[in-house]
Structure formats: structure tokens, C-alpha cells
């Protein structure tokens, strides 16, 4: 019986080198196919090769593309907008040599969700002329034509998962498995921009308020990925509560306590921004918009911020939207220009270190 396809925001894909030259007789169609594919790979895909020879064959095929397309591929690969990995330098044969769906599954069932091939090879592997794809015998790998890659179930599911709302009653662990976890695993650094997240952490760890905070849960999951680094950009309240003051020093202490609670190493960089700053005759306010940026892959705007993740199940449906990475970075840069000067070694000091700009 076929296994149900995985629903994940980021999928692992293998592309046969010969597939890059499919539809080379129609330059306009070929350009449209490759532009769509590159756009999807930059947001949703990790490109996986069976061997170093397979990777070299793919690069050779890229060089045989029309010059503008070859340059587009080379620019994306060189910029690391698409993650590239080799599974096993000794693995044979490569994707171009596979003609048995069972062998595709045997060799790549644990590694790939999607294989894209030239049309004739895809048909030999079971993709009917009137279908966009087919699944291997146990359903572990989807096989599709590169010419209709954007209509494969894997790509369509990734688009849906990325921006689906956090539905009321859904378990946050499911959201981690399908959406946030794959993004964290394939992106660096992670940037959390949330005006209120610092105040929520302080209320929990300094003043022992009974409710939890979503950031602790999120960072605990991120810290399970070795080598992850997180920058947190949050606000220092303009009018601190006299009974429970929250200033820069208090926020630094609260985040120290949070890091101790994690119990695992995690690179943390804390950026503290006054809720209001003067710029000439204007008063600049820390924006209410909140997002998580996953490196250069994507940024997700959360309607109610990180605190949405405080409970095991979402109390209500919360909107999620993709924010252009460039817009997210501009927002972060504006906040960082207004940030308070940290003490020597940063607000958190060692361990953890700071992040390079990114």
C-alpha cells in the first residue's frame, strides 16, 4: 500500500542532469520552466545528488543551457539560495540511469521526496502522459517531469504548508514537523522579530507569571538542530511597569534564564530596541508586525507573533503569510540601527556568541 506523501514546507529533490535540457527546442518554454523551478527551489527545495559524479554531470548540463539560463542557475547555486548536498560519493547509478520505480525507491526512499526527470524517462518510470507525476511502489518518492514540476503533489503541498494558517485546535508539534522544523534545518541564521517576545520572557522568568511563553518552546525545538543560531529583535517598553519593571538589564537576565532552561547549546544574539526612539522631529515606534526569517529562504509573518506557540494546541486560528526576504531584512535593519548599545560581550555574553550580519 502506498505511504501517504509527506507534507513539508521544504522538500528534498533530485533532478536528472538530462532533464535540464528537456524542451530545449522551444527556448521560451524552456525559460519559463526553469524560472518557475528556480523560484520554487529557492523557497521550498533542497537539491540532493546521489554522488559527486552526479553533481558534476548536473553542473555540465547547466553549462550547456542557453547562456541566460546557465547564468541564472550558476548565480542561484553560488549564492547558496538553494541548498545542495551529496548523499553518498559511492552511490551508483545516478538518476539518469534509473528505469525501475522500485530501484528509485530502494536507493532514494530515505532521502528524496521528489525526483524530476526528462519526459521519456519519467514515462518509463510510470508517469502517464495525462498525469503530472507517479509514486514509487510504496509511495515514498514522487516521480515527475521537469516540464510540469510546479504541478507535482510535493511542490503543491509545500506551497500550501508554508502559508496555511495555524488552525485552532491543531497541535504545535505538527506545525513543527511540517513547517517550522524543515525550514530551520535548511536555513541559517534564524531571525525572530517580535516587539513583545522580550516582555513575555521577562514576565515568565523574572516575575514567574503562571502562563508560558511561545519563544521557550520554539527555541527548545531549534536547539535540537546542531549549530543553529538565532537572532532575537525585540522591544524595551517605553513605560515600564513600576511593580514589575522591564528594562534592558531585566531583559538580559530573563534571556539568560531562558537559555539555562533550554539545557542545550544554541547561538543566541539579543537585539534590544527602545519601543520609541526620536529621529529628528519624528518619533519612531517599534512596529507591531512580527516575523520569523529563515536565512535567505523565506520570512513568515505571524498574525499574533511568537506567543501563538505558547500552548500545546492553538486556541484560535492565526494567519500566516510569506513576507519577501528583502522586506524582512529592511525591517530588521531599521530596528537594529535604533538598538541600544549592548555591554561588552553582548546582552547575553558567552556562551552563544553573536551572529554576523545576515
Protein backbone atom coordinates (compact mmCIF):
# COMPACT_ATOMS: atom_id res chain seq x y z
CA UNK A 1 0.00 0.00 0.00
CA UNK A 2 1.32 3.46 -0.87
CA UNK A 3 2.53 5.55 2.05
CA UNK A 4 0.85 8.95 2.33
CA UNK A 5 3.02 11.72 0.81
CA UNK A 6 4.91 13.85 3.29
CA UNK A 7 3.57 17.37 3.77
CA UNK A 8 6.60 19.56 4.38
CA UNK A 9 7.47 23.21 3.82
CA UNK A 10 10.89 22.21 2.46
CA UNK A 11 11.38 19.07 0.39
CA UNK A 12 14.42 17.17 -0.88
CA UNK A 13 14.52 16.87 -4.67
CA UNK A 14 16.77 15.09 -7.14
CA UNK A 15 16.98 16.34 -10.74
CA UNK A 16 18.36 14.17 -13.53
CA UNK A 17 21.03 16.08 -15.49
CA UNK A 18 19.41 15.20 -18.83
CA UNK A 19 16.13 16.74 -17.60
CA UNK A 20 17.69 20.22 -17.70
CA UNK A 21 17.77 20.05 -21.49
CA UNK A 22 14.13 18.92 -21.86
CA UNK A 23 12.15 21.17 -24.23
CA UNK A 24 15.37 22.75 -25.44
CA UNK A 25 13.72 23.09 -28.85
CA UNK A 26 11.35 25.76 -27.50
CA UNK A 27 13.53 28.41 -25.82
CA UNK A 28 10.62 30.44 -24.46
CA UNK A 29 9.02 27.37 -22.88
CA UNK A 30 12.35 26.20 -21.53
CA UNK A 31 12.98 29.59 -19.91
CA UNK A 32 9.54 29.60 -18.26
CA UNK A 33 10.07 26.06 -16.93
CA UNK A 34 13.45 26.89 -15.42
CA UNK A 35 12.36 30.22 -13.95
CA UNK A 36 9.42 28.53 -12.19
CA UNK A 37 11.67 25.70 -10.98
CA UNK A 38 14.36 28.01 -9.61
CA UNK A 39 11.77 30.11 -7.79
CA UNK A 40 10.30 27.02 -6.13
CA UNK A 41 13.72 25.59 -5.25
CA UNK A 42 14.84 28.83 -3.58
CA UNK A 43 11.83 28.80 -1.27
CA UNK A 44 10.92 25.14 -0.85
CA UNK A 45 13.68 22.88 -2.15
CA UNK A 46 16.92 21.19 -1.18
CA UNK A 47 18.80 19.79 -4.16
CA UNK A 48 20.23 16.33 -3.43
CA UNK A 49 22.67 14.37 -5.59
CA UNK A 50 23.44 10.66 -5.41
CA UNK A 51 27.17 11.14 -5.89
CA UNK A 52 29.89 13.64 -6.71
CA UNK A 53 29.76 12.34 -10.30
CA UNK A 54 26.02 13.10 -10.41
CA UNK A 55 26.67 16.65 -9.18
CA UNK A 56 29.39 17.15 -11.80
CA UNK A 57 27.09 15.83 -14.54
CA UNK A 58 24.39 18.28 -13.38
CA UNK A 59 26.84 21.21 -13.49
CA UNK A 60 27.95 20.17 -17.00
CA UNK A 61 24.29 20.13 -18.08
CA UNK A 62 23.78 23.61 -16.60
CA UNK A 63 26.69 24.86 -18.72
CA UNK A 64 25.02 23.51 -21.87
CA UNK A 65 21.88 25.55 -21.25
CA UNK A 66 21.34 28.84 -23.14
CA UNK A 67 23.68 31.41 -21.60
CA UNK A 68 21.00 33.38 -19.75
CA UNK A 69 19.57 30.23 -18.14
CA UNK A 70 23.02 28.87 -17.32
CA UNK A 71 23.86 32.16 -15.62
CA UNK A 72 20.59 32.06 -13.64
CA UNK A 73 21.38 28.57 -12.33
CA UNK A 74 25.01 29.42 -11.56
CA UNK A 75 24.01 32.61 -9.71
CA UNK A 76 21.46 30.78 -7.55
CA UNK A 77 23.82 27.89 -6.76
CA UNK A 78 26.78 30.19 -6.00
CA UNK A 79 24.65 32.37 -3.71
CA UNK A 80 23.53 29.28 -1.76
CA UNK A 81 19.91 30.28 -2.24
CA UNK A 82 19.38 26.57 -2.92
CA UNK A 83 20.90 24.04 -0.53
CA UNK A 84 22.97 21.40 -2.33
CA UNK A 85 24.07 18.09 -0.77
CA UNK A 86 25.62 14.79 -1.91
CA UNK A 87 24.24 11.72 -0.15
CA UNK A 88 26.95 9.15 -0.81
CA UNK A 89 30.00 9.58 -3.07
CA UNK A 90 29.96 5.83 -3.84
CA UNK A 91 26.26 5.55 -4.72
CA UNK A 92 25.53 4.17 -8.20
CA UNK A 93 23.79 4.53 -10.56
CA UNK A 94 22.75 8.16 -10.93
CA UNK A 95 19.23 9.36 -11.60
CA UNK A 96 19.66 9.41 -15.38
CA UNK A 97 20.35 5.65 -15.35
CA UNK A 98 17.32 4.53 -13.31
CA UNK A 99 14.45 2.88 -15.19
CA UNK A 100 12.79 0.87 -12.39
CA UNK A 101 10.49 2.64 -9.89
CA UNK A 102 11.38 0.06 -7.23
CA UNK A 103 15.08 0.93 -7.63
CA UNK A 104 14.31 4.64 -7.29
CA UNK A 105 12.59 3.87 -4.00
CA UNK A 106 15.29 1.49 -2.82
CA UNK A 107 18.08 4.00 -3.42
CA UNK A 108 16.34 7.27 -2.59
CA UNK A 109 13.29 6.47 -0.46
CA UNK A 110 15.02 7.70 2.72
CA UNK A 111 16.49 10.79 1.06
CA UNK A 112 14.20 12.31 -1.57
CA UNK A 113 10.56 13.31 -1.68
CA UNK A 114 10.63 14.26 -5.37
CA UNK A 115 12.59 13.18 -8.47
CA UNK A 116 12.36 15.30 -11.64
CA UNK A 117 13.34 13.72 -14.95
CA UNK A 118 13.12 14.30 -18.69
CA UNK A 119 9.78 13.31 -20.18
CA UNK A 120 10.67 9.96 -21.80
CA UNK A 121 12.44 8.65 -18.70
CA UNK A 122 9.57 9.78 -16.46
CA UNK A 123 7.11 7.88 -18.66
CA UNK A 124 9.25 4.72 -18.41
CA UNK A 125 9.11 5.12 -14.60
CA UNK A 126 5.32 5.18 -14.62
CA UNK A 127 4.27 8.79 -15.24
CA UNK A 128 1.29 8.55 -17.60
CA UNK A 129 1.07 11.08 -20.46
CA UNK A 130 -2.04 12.68 -18.90
CA UNK A 131 -0.61 12.82 -15.35
CA UNK A 132 1.87 15.20 -13.71
CA UNK A 133 3.63 12.52 -11.66
CA UNK A 134 3.55 9.00 -10.24
CA UNK A 135 4.65 7.46 -6.97
CA UNK A 136 7.11 4.64 -6.42
CA UNK A 137 5.65 1.25 -5.27
CA UNK A 138 5.43 2.13 -1.56
CA UNK A 139 4.64 5.79 -2.20
CA UNK A 140 7.88 7.11 -0.69
CA UNK A 141 9.11 9.08 -3.73
CA UNK A 142 7.15 11.12 -6.26
CA UNK A 143 8.49 10.94 -9.83
CA UNK A 144 7.64 13.81 -12.14
CA UNK A 145 8.65 15.52 -15.36
CA UNK A 146 10.77 18.63 -15.01
CA UNK A 147 8.44 20.30 -17.52
CA UNK A 148 5.49 20.09 -15.11
CA UNK A 149 7.41 20.26 -11.82
CA UNK A 150 5.24 23.03 -10.41
CA UNK A 151 2.16 20.76 -10.68
CA UNK A 152 3.62 17.87 -8.68
CA UNK A 153 1.96 17.00 -5.39
CA UNK A 154 5.20 17.65 -3.45
CA UNK A 155 5.53 21.23 -4.71
CA UNK A 156 1.83 21.99 -4.28
CA UNK A 157 1.88 20.63 -0.73
CA UNK A 158 4.98 22.68 0.18
CA UNK A 159 3.30 25.88 -1.01
CA UNK A 160 0.19 25.06 0.99
CA UNK A 161 2.06 24.12 4.17
CA UNK A 162 4.24 27.26 4.08
CA UNK A 163 1.39 29.77 4.36
CA UNK A 164 -1.50 27.77 5.79
CA UNK A 165 -2.94 29.36 8.97
CA UNK A 166 -2.17 27.92 12.39
CA UNK A 167 -5.59 26.40 12.80
CA UNK A 168 -7.36 26.46 16.15
CA UNK A 169 -7.08 23.10 17.91
CA UNK A 170 -4.01 21.98 15.91
CA UNK A 171 -1.05 20.60 17.87
CA UNK A 172 2.00 22.85 17.64
CA UNK A 173 4.23 19.75 17.31
CA UNK A 174 2.55 19.00 13.97
CA UNK A 175 3.36 22.53 12.84
CA UNK A 176 6.99 21.98 13.84
CA UNK A 177 7.20 18.71 11.91
CA UNK A 178 5.60 20.04 8.74
CA UNK A 179 6.51 23.72 8.61
CA UNK A 180 8.99 25.18 11.09
CA UNK A 181 11.32 22.21 11.56
CA UNK A 182 12.17 21.73 7.85
CA UNK A 183 12.74 25.47 7.49
CA UNK A 184 15.07 25.57 10.49
CA UNK A 185 17.00 22.52 9.26
CA UNK A 186 17.66 24.14 5.87
CA UNK A 187 18.23 27.80 6.80
CA UNK A 188 20.74 29.94 8.66
CA UNK A 189 20.55 32.18 10.52
CA UNK A 190 17.08 32.31 12.08
CA UNK A 191 15.86 35.81 12.93
CA UNK A 192 12.87 36.43 15.21
CA UNK A 193 11.43 39.94 15.01
CA UNK A 194 8.75 40.42 17.65
CA UNK A 195 8.05 43.53 19.70
CA UNK A 196 6.50 41.66 22.60
CA UNK A 197 8.58 38.49 22.89
CA UNK A 198 11.10 40.04 25.33
CA UNK A 199 8.36 41.23 27.66
CA UNK A 200 6.75 37.77 27.59
CA UNK A 201 10.06 36.11 28.50
CA UNK A 202 10.68 38.57 31.34
CA UNK A 203 7.22 38.05 32.82
CA UNK A 204 7.75 34.29 32.82
CA UNK A 205 11.33 34.06 34.07
CA UNK A 206 11.74 37.16 36.25
CA UNK A 207 8.26 37.56 37.66
CA UNK A 208 7.13 33.92 37.48
CA UNK A 209 3.83 34.60 35.81
CA UNK A 210 1.89 31.32 35.54
CA UNK A 211 1.48 31.37 31.76
CA UNK A 212 4.16 30.12 29.38
CA UNK A 213 5.83 31.85 26.50
CA UNK A 214 5.99 30.66 22.91
CA UNK A 215 9.66 31.54 22.49
CA UNK A 216 10.85 28.94 25.01
CA UNK A 217 9.08 26.17 23.11
CA UNK A 218 10.35 27.38 19.73
CA UNK A 219 13.97 27.76 20.88
CA UNK A 220 13.88 24.36 22.56
CA UNK A 221 12.98 22.82 19.19
CA UNK A 222 15.54 24.88 17.26
CA UNK A 223 18.29 23.89 19.73
CA UNK A 224 17.76 20.24 18.74
CA UNK A 225 19.36 21.12 15.39
CA UNK A 226 23.14 21.24 15.92
CA UNK A 227 24.81 24.53 15.08
CA UNK A 228 21.65 26.62 14.79
CA UNK A 229 21.94 30.33 15.55
CA UNK A 230 19.09 32.70 16.37
CA UNK A 231 18.93 36.48 16.48
CA UNK A 232 16.05 37.90 18.52
CA UNK A 233 14.99 41.51 17.87
CA UNK A 234 12.55 42.77 20.50
CA UNK A 235 11.45 45.96 22.24
CA UNK A 236 12.26 47.53 25.59
CA UNK A 237 8.98 49.02 26.89
CA UNK A 238 8.65 52.81 26.83
CA UNK A 239 6.82 52.94 30.18
CA UNK A 240 7.98 50.05 32.41
CA UNK A 241 5.56 48.68 34.98
CA UNK A 242 6.67 50.06 38.36
CA UNK A 243 5.77 46.79 40.13
CA UNK A 244 7.42 44.56 37.55
CA UNK A 245 9.98 46.73 35.75
CA UNK A 246 11.21 45.52 32.39
CA UNK A 247 14.27 47.39 31.18
CA UNK A 248 17.29 46.29 29.15
CA UNK A 249 19.06 44.75 32.14
CA UNK A 250 15.93 42.85 33.15
CA UNK A 251 15.53 41.50 29.63
CA UNK A 252 19.15 40.36 29.59
CA UNK A 253 18.63 38.49 32.87
CA UNK A 254 15.41 36.90 31.60
CA UNK A 255 17.06 35.61 28.45
CA UNK A 256 19.96 34.21 30.50
CA UNK A 257 17.39 32.23 32.49
CA UNK A 258 15.66 31.09 29.31
CA UNK A 259 18.95 29.85 27.85
CA UNK A 260 19.68 27.90 31.03
CA UNK A 261 16.23 26.36 30.77
CA UNK A 262 16.99 25.05 27.26
CA UNK A 263 19.79 22.83 28.56
CA UNK A 264 21.34 22.59 25.06
CA UNK A 265 23.84 24.85 23.27
CA UNK A 266 22.24 27.41 20.99
CA UNK A 267 23.81 30.50 19.49
CA UNK A 268 21.71 33.44 20.67
CA UNK A 269 22.09 37.10 19.78
CA UNK A 270 19.75 39.56 21.52
CA UNK A 271 18.96 42.95 19.95
CA UNK A 272 17.09 45.31 22.27
CA UNK A 273 15.31 48.25 20.68
CA UNK A 274 13.57 51.09 22.56
CA UNK A 275 9.85 50.95 21.93
CA UNK A 276 10.06 54.59 20.90
CA UNK A 277 13.07 56.46 19.52
CA UNK A 278 13.44 60.01 18.25
CA UNK A 279 14.69 60.58 14.74
CA UNK A 280 14.88 64.31 14.14
CA UNK A 281 11.42 65.69 14.91
CA UNK A 282 9.74 62.32 14.48
CA UNK A 283 9.09 59.56 16.99
CA UNK A 284 9.87 56.14 15.55
CA UNK A 285 7.96 53.24 17.11
CA UNK A 286 8.89 49.58 17.10
CA UNK A 287 6.40 48.07 14.64
CA UNK A 288 3.62 45.70 15.64
CA UNK A 289 4.41 43.48 12.64
CA UNK A 290 6.10 40.23 13.66
CA UNK A 291 8.00 37.68 11.62
CA UNK A 292 10.46 34.81 11.63
CA UNK A 293 13.09 34.90 8.88
CA UNK A 294 14.70 31.65 7.83
CA UNK A 295 18.01 32.78 6.34
CA UNK A 296 17.58 33.78 2.71
CA UNK A 297 14.89 31.15 2.09
CA UNK A 298 11.75 32.91 3.33
CA UNK A 299 10.20 35.03 6.08
CA UNK A 300 6.86 34.19 7.66
CA UNK A 301 4.67 36.88 9.20
CA UNK A 302 2.66 35.58 12.16
CA UNK A 303 -0.55 37.42 12.90
CA UNK A 304 -0.19 37.09 16.69
CA UNK A 305 3.57 36.62 16.94
CA UNK A 306 5.64 34.01 18.74
CA UNK A 307 3.25 33.89 21.68
CA UNK A 308 0.93 31.94 19.36
CA UNK A 309 3.15 28.93 20.13
CA UNK A 310 2.77 29.13 23.93
CA UNK A 311 0.09 26.43 24.22
CA UNK A 312 0.24 22.82 23.04
CA UNK A 313 -2.78 23.46 20.86
CA UNK A 314 -3.64 26.74 19.20
CA UNK A 315 -6.55 28.44 20.91
CA UNK A 316 -7.71 30.11 17.72
CA UNK A 317 -6.83 30.26 14.04
CA UNK A 318 -3.83 32.50 13.39
CA UNK A 319 -2.89 33.90 10.00
CA UNK A 320 0.49 33.19 8.41
CA UNK A 321 1.81 34.98 5.33
CA UNK A 322 5.03 34.93 3.35
CA UNK A 323 6.95 38.19 3.63
CA UNK A 324 9.59 38.98 0.97
CA UNK A 325 13.02 38.32 2.48
CA UNK A 326 14.26 41.75 1.37
CA UNK A 327 11.36 43.47 3.17
CA UNK A 328 12.00 41.46 6.34
CA UNK A 329 15.69 42.37 6.30
CA UNK A 330 14.93 46.07 5.81
CA UNK A 331 12.60 45.94 8.81
CA UNK A 332 15.29 44.23 10.89
CA UNK A 333 17.97 46.71 9.79
CA UNK A 334 15.81 49.71 10.76
CA UNK A 335 15.31 48.24 14.21
CA UNK A 336 18.99 47.42 14.65
CA UNK A 337 20.03 50.98 13.78
CA UNK A 338 17.89 52.17 16.72
CA UNK A 339 19.03 49.40 19.09
CA UNK A 340 20.52 50.07 22.50
CA UNK A 341 24.28 49.62 22.76
CA UNK A 342 24.90 46.27 24.48
CA UNK A 343 27.55 45.81 27.17
CA UNK A 344 30.91 44.33 26.20
CA UNK A 345 30.25 40.76 25.08
CA UNK A 346 26.59 41.42 24.29
CA UNK A 347 23.46 41.24 26.42
CA UNK A 348 23.86 37.51 26.85
CA UNK A 349 27.65 37.17 26.81
CA UNK A 350 29.21 33.73 26.39
CA UNK A 351 28.16 31.09 25.59
CA UNK A 352 26.28 31.77 22.39
CA UNK A 353 28.27 34.47 20.66
CA UNK A 354 26.88 36.85 18.09
CA UNK A 355 25.76 36.49 14.53
CA UNK A 356 27.39 38.02 11.53
CA UNK A 357 25.07 40.33 9.58
CA UNK A 358 22.63 38.30 7.54
